[in-house]
Amino acid sequence: MSFRALNEKYLLPASQIAMVLGIIALCQPWSLSLHSYGVTIILIGLIGFNVTSKIAPERKEETGAATHEGARQ
């Protein structure tokens, strides 16, 4: 598994989940420590999302007449 596939399958969704968990941590009324670190969790998820979303996904090799060099002529 290449890094691009690993990024698309695990890292990008993990950063999105971290942002959602940060919002939940901010809004919950039971734990003061979770509320205190809610913004930090959101920022970690946001930075992770900004980094991982800039990595292009793997290219899938296309087959068929459109990719053949002679088809463009």
N, C-alpha and C. Protein backbone atom coordinates (compact mmCIF):
# COMPACT_ATOMS: atom_id res chain seq x y z
N MET A 1 0.86 -1.17 0.00
CA MET A 1 0.00 0.00 0.00
C MET A 1 0.90 1.24 0.00
N SER A 2 0.65 2.11 -0.93
CA SER A 2 1.45 3.32 -1.04
C SER A 2 0.99 4.36 -0.01
N PHE A 3 1.80 5.39 0.15
CA PHE A 3 1.44 6.44 1.09
C PHE A 3 0.18 7.17 0.66
N ARG A 4 0.01 7.36 -0.64
CA ARG A 4 -1.19 8.05 -1.13
C ARG A 4 -2.45 7.25 -0.82
N ALA A 5 -2.38 5.94 -0.98
CA ALA A 5 -3.54 5.10 -0.66
C ALA A 5 -3.79 5.08 0.85
N LEU A 6 -2.72 5.04 1.63
CA LEU A 6 -2.83 5.09 3.09
C LEU A 6 -3.46 6.41 3.53
N ASN A 7 -3.05 7.49 2.90
CA ASN A 7 -3.59 8.80 3.22
C ASN A 7 -5.08 8.86 2.91
N GLU A 8 -5.45 8.36 1.73
CA GLU A 8 -6.85 8.43 1.32
C GLU A 8 -7.75 7.54 2.17
N LYS A 9 -7.22 6.40 2.61
CA LYS A 9 -8.04 5.44 3.34
C LYS A 9 -8.10 5.72 4.85
N TYR A 10 -6.99 6.19 5.45
CA TYR A 10 -6.94 6.32 6.91
C TYR A 10 -6.71 7.75 7.42
N LEU A 11 -5.74 8.45 6.88
CA LEU A 11 -5.34 9.74 7.47
C LEU A 11 -6.38 10.84 7.25
N LEU A 12 -6.90 10.93 6.05
CA LEU A 12 -7.91 11.96 5.77
C LEU A 12 -9.18 11.76 6.59
N PRO A 13 -9.74 10.55 6.64
CA PRO A 13 -10.92 10.36 7.51
C PRO A 13 -10.61 10.57 9.00
N ALA A 14 -9.40 10.20 9.43
CA ALA A 14 -9.03 10.38 10.84
C ALA A 14 -9.00 11.86 11.21
N SER A 15 -8.51 12.70 10.32
CA SER A 15 -8.49 14.13 10.63
C SER A 15 -9.90 14.71 10.65
N GLN A 16 -10.78 14.22 9.79
CA GLN A 16 -12.17 14.68 9.82
C GLN A 16 -12.86 14.23 11.11
N ILE A 17 -12.60 13.02 11.54
CA ILE A 17 -13.17 12.52 12.79
C ILE A 17 -12.65 13.31 13.97
N ALA A 18 -11.37 13.69 13.94
CA ALA A 18 -10.79 14.49 15.03
C ALA A 18 -11.49 15.84 15.14
N MET A 19 -11.80 16.45 14.01
CA MET A 19 -12.52 17.73 14.05
C MET A 19 -13.91 17.56 14.66
N VAL A 20 -14.61 16.52 14.28
CA VAL A 20 -15.95 16.28 14.82
C VAL A 20 -15.89 15.98 16.31
N LEU A 21 -14.90 15.17 16.73
CA LEU A 21 -14.75 14.87 18.15
C LEU A 21 -14.39 16.11 18.96
N GLY A 22 -13.64 17.03 18.35
CA GLY A 22 -13.33 18.29 19.02
C GLY A 22 -14.57 19.13 19.25
N ILE A 23 -15.46 19.15 18.28
CA ILE A 23 -16.72 19.90 18.44
C ILE A 23 -17.58 19.25 19.51
N ILE A 24 -17.63 17.92 19.51
CA ILE A 24 -18.39 17.22 20.55
C ILE A 24 -17.78 17.48 21.92
N ALA A 25 -16.45 17.48 22.02
CA ALA A 25 -15.79 17.74 23.30
C ALA A 25 -16.08 19.15 23.79
N LEU A 26 -16.19 20.09 22.87
CA LEU A 26 -16.50 21.46 23.27
C LEU A 26 -17.93 21.61 23.77
N CYS A 27 -18.84 20.86 23.20
CA CYS A 27 -20.26 21.04 23.51
C CYS A 27 -20.77 20.19 24.67
N GLN A 28 -20.02 19.20 25.10
CA GLN A 28 -20.52 18.33 26.16
C GLN A 28 -20.36 18.99 27.53
N PRO A 29 -21.28 18.77 28.45
CA PRO A 29 -21.24 19.45 29.75
C PRO A 29 -20.66 18.62 30.90
N TRP A 30 -20.18 17.39 30.66
CA TRP A 30 -19.84 16.50 31.76
C TRP A 30 -18.39 16.57 32.21
N SER A 31 -17.47 16.78 31.31
CA SER A 31 -16.05 16.73 31.64
C SER A 31 -15.39 18.07 31.33
N LEU A 32 -14.84 18.69 32.36
CA LEU A 32 -14.18 19.98 32.17
C LEU A 32 -12.88 19.83 31.39
N SER A 33 -12.17 18.71 31.57
CA SER A 33 -10.91 18.53 30.84
C SER A 33 -11.16 18.37 29.33
N LEU A 34 -12.22 17.66 28.96
CA LEU A 34 -12.55 17.55 27.54
C LEU A 34 -12.95 18.90 26.97
N HIS A 35 -13.71 19.66 27.75
CA HIS A 35 -14.12 20.99 27.29
C HIS A 35 -12.90 21.90 27.14
N SER A 36 -11.93 21.76 28.04
CA SER A 36 -10.74 22.60 27.98
C SER A 36 -9.89 22.32 26.75
N TYR A 37 -9.85 21.07 26.32
CA TYR A 37 -9.02 20.69 25.18
C TYR A 37 -9.81 20.59 23.88
N GLY A 38 -11.06 20.98 23.87
CA GLY A 38 -11.89 20.88 22.68
C GLY A 38 -11.36 21.68 21.50
N VAL A 39 -10.95 22.92 21.75
CA VAL A 39 -10.41 23.76 20.67
C VAL A 39 -9.09 23.18 20.16
N THR A 40 -8.28 22.66 21.07
CA THR A 40 -7.01 22.05 20.66
C THR A 40 -7.25 20.83 19.78
N ILE A 41 -8.23 20.02 20.11
CA ILE A 41 -8.56 18.84 19.30
C ILE A 41 -9.05 19.28 17.92
N ILE A 42 -9.87 20.32 17.87
CA ILE A 42 -10.35 20.83 16.58
C ILE A 42 -9.18 21.33 15.74
N LEU A 43 -8.26 22.07 16.36
CA LEU A 43 -7.12 22.60 15.62
C LEU A 43 -6.21 21.50 15.10
N ILE A 44 -5.99 20.46 15.89
CA ILE A 44 -5.17 19.34 15.42
C ILE A 44 -5.84 18.67 14.22
N GLY A 45 -7.15 18.46 14.30
CA GLY A 45 -7.88 17.89 13.17
C GLY A 45 -7.86 18.79 11.95
N LEU A 46 -7.96 20.10 12.16
CA LEU A 46 -7.96 21.04 11.05
C LEU A 46 -6.60 21.08 10.36
N ILE A 47 -5.54 21.12 11.13
CA ILE A 47 -4.19 21.12 10.55
C ILE A 47 -3.94 19.80 9.82
N GLY A 48 -4.35 18.69 10.43
CA GLY A 48 -4.21 17.40 9.77
C GLY A 48 -4.99 17.32 8.48
N PHE A 49 -6.20 17.88 8.48
CA PHE A 49 -7.01 17.88 7.26
C PHE A 49 -6.38 18.73 6.18
N ASN A 50 -5.86 19.90 6.55
CA ASN A 50 -5.22 20.76 5.55
C ASN A 50 -4.00 20.09 4.92
N VAL A 51 -3.25 19.36 5.72
CA VAL A 51 -2.06 18.68 5.19
C VAL A 51 -2.47 17.50 4.33
N THR A 52 -3.36 16.66 4.83
CA THR A 52 -3.70 15.43 4.11
C THR A 52 -4.56 15.69 2.88
N SER A 53 -5.31 16.78 2.85
CA SER A 53 -6.14 17.04 1.67
C SER A 53 -5.31 17.57 0.50
N LYS A 54 -4.10 18.03 0.74
CA LYS A 54 -3.24 18.52 -0.34
C LYS A 54 -2.54 17.38 -1.07
N ILE A 55 -2.55 16.18 -0.50
CA ILE A 55 -1.90 15.03 -1.13
C ILE A 55 -2.87 14.44 -2.14
N ALA A 56 -2.45 14.40 -3.39
CA ALA A 56 -3.32 13.91 -4.46
C ALA A 56 -3.54 12.41 -4.31
N PRO A 57 -4.75 11.93 -4.62
CA PRO A 57 -4.99 10.48 -4.55
C PRO A 57 -4.23 9.75 -5.65
N GLU A 58 -4.12 8.43 -5.48
CA GLU A 58 -3.45 7.62 -6.48
C GLU A 58 -4.20 7.67 -7.79
N ARG A 59 -3.45 7.69 -8.88
CA ARG A 59 -4.08 7.64 -10.20
C ARG A 59 -4.42 6.21 -10.54
N LYS A 60 -5.62 6.03 -11.01
CA LYS A 60 -6.03 4.71 -11.49
C LYS A 60 -5.68 4.64 -12.96
N GLU A 61 -5.09 3.54 -13.38
CA GLU A 61 -4.75 3.40 -14.78
C GLU A 61 -6.01 3.12 -15.58
N GLU A 62 -6.24 3.96 -16.58
CA GLU A 62 -7.41 3.81 -17.42
C GLU A 62 -7.06 2.94 -18.62
N THR A 63 -7.97 2.12 -19.01
CA THR A 63 -7.77 1.30 -20.19
C THR A 63 -8.83 1.66 -21.21
N GLY A 64 -8.54 1.37 -22.46
CA GLY A 64 -9.51 1.65 -23.50
C GLY A 64 -8.89 2.46 -24.61
N ALA A 65 -9.71 2.79 -25.59
CA ALA A 65 -9.23 3.47 -26.78
C ALA A 65 -8.84 4.93 -26.48
N ALA A 66 -9.44 5.54 -25.50
CA ALA A 66 -9.17 6.95 -25.23
C ALA A 66 -7.75 7.17 -24.73
N THR A 67 -7.14 6.18 -24.11
CA THR A 67 -5.79 6.35 -23.59
C THR A 67 -4.73 5.92 -24.59
N HIS A 68 -5.13 5.32 -25.68
CA HIS A 68 -4.19 4.87 -26.68
C HIS A 68 -3.67 6.08 -27.44
N GLU A 69 -2.37 6.11 -27.74
CA GLU A 69 -1.77 7.27 -28.41
C GLU A 69 -2.37 7.51 -29.78
N GLY A 70 -2.74 6.45 -30.47
CA GLY A 70 -3.29 6.60 -31.81
C GLY A 70 -4.71 7.17 -31.80
N ALA A 71 -5.38 7.09 -30.68
CA ALA A 71 -6.77 7.57 -30.61
C ALA A 71 -6.85 9.08 -30.63
N ARG A 72 -5.80 9.77 -30.31
CA ARG A 72 -5.83 11.23 -30.27
C ARG A 72 -5.68 11.85 -31.65
N GLN A 73 -5.23 11.07 -32.62
CA GLN A 73 -4.95 11.64 -33.94
C GLN A 73 -6.16 11.77 -34.78
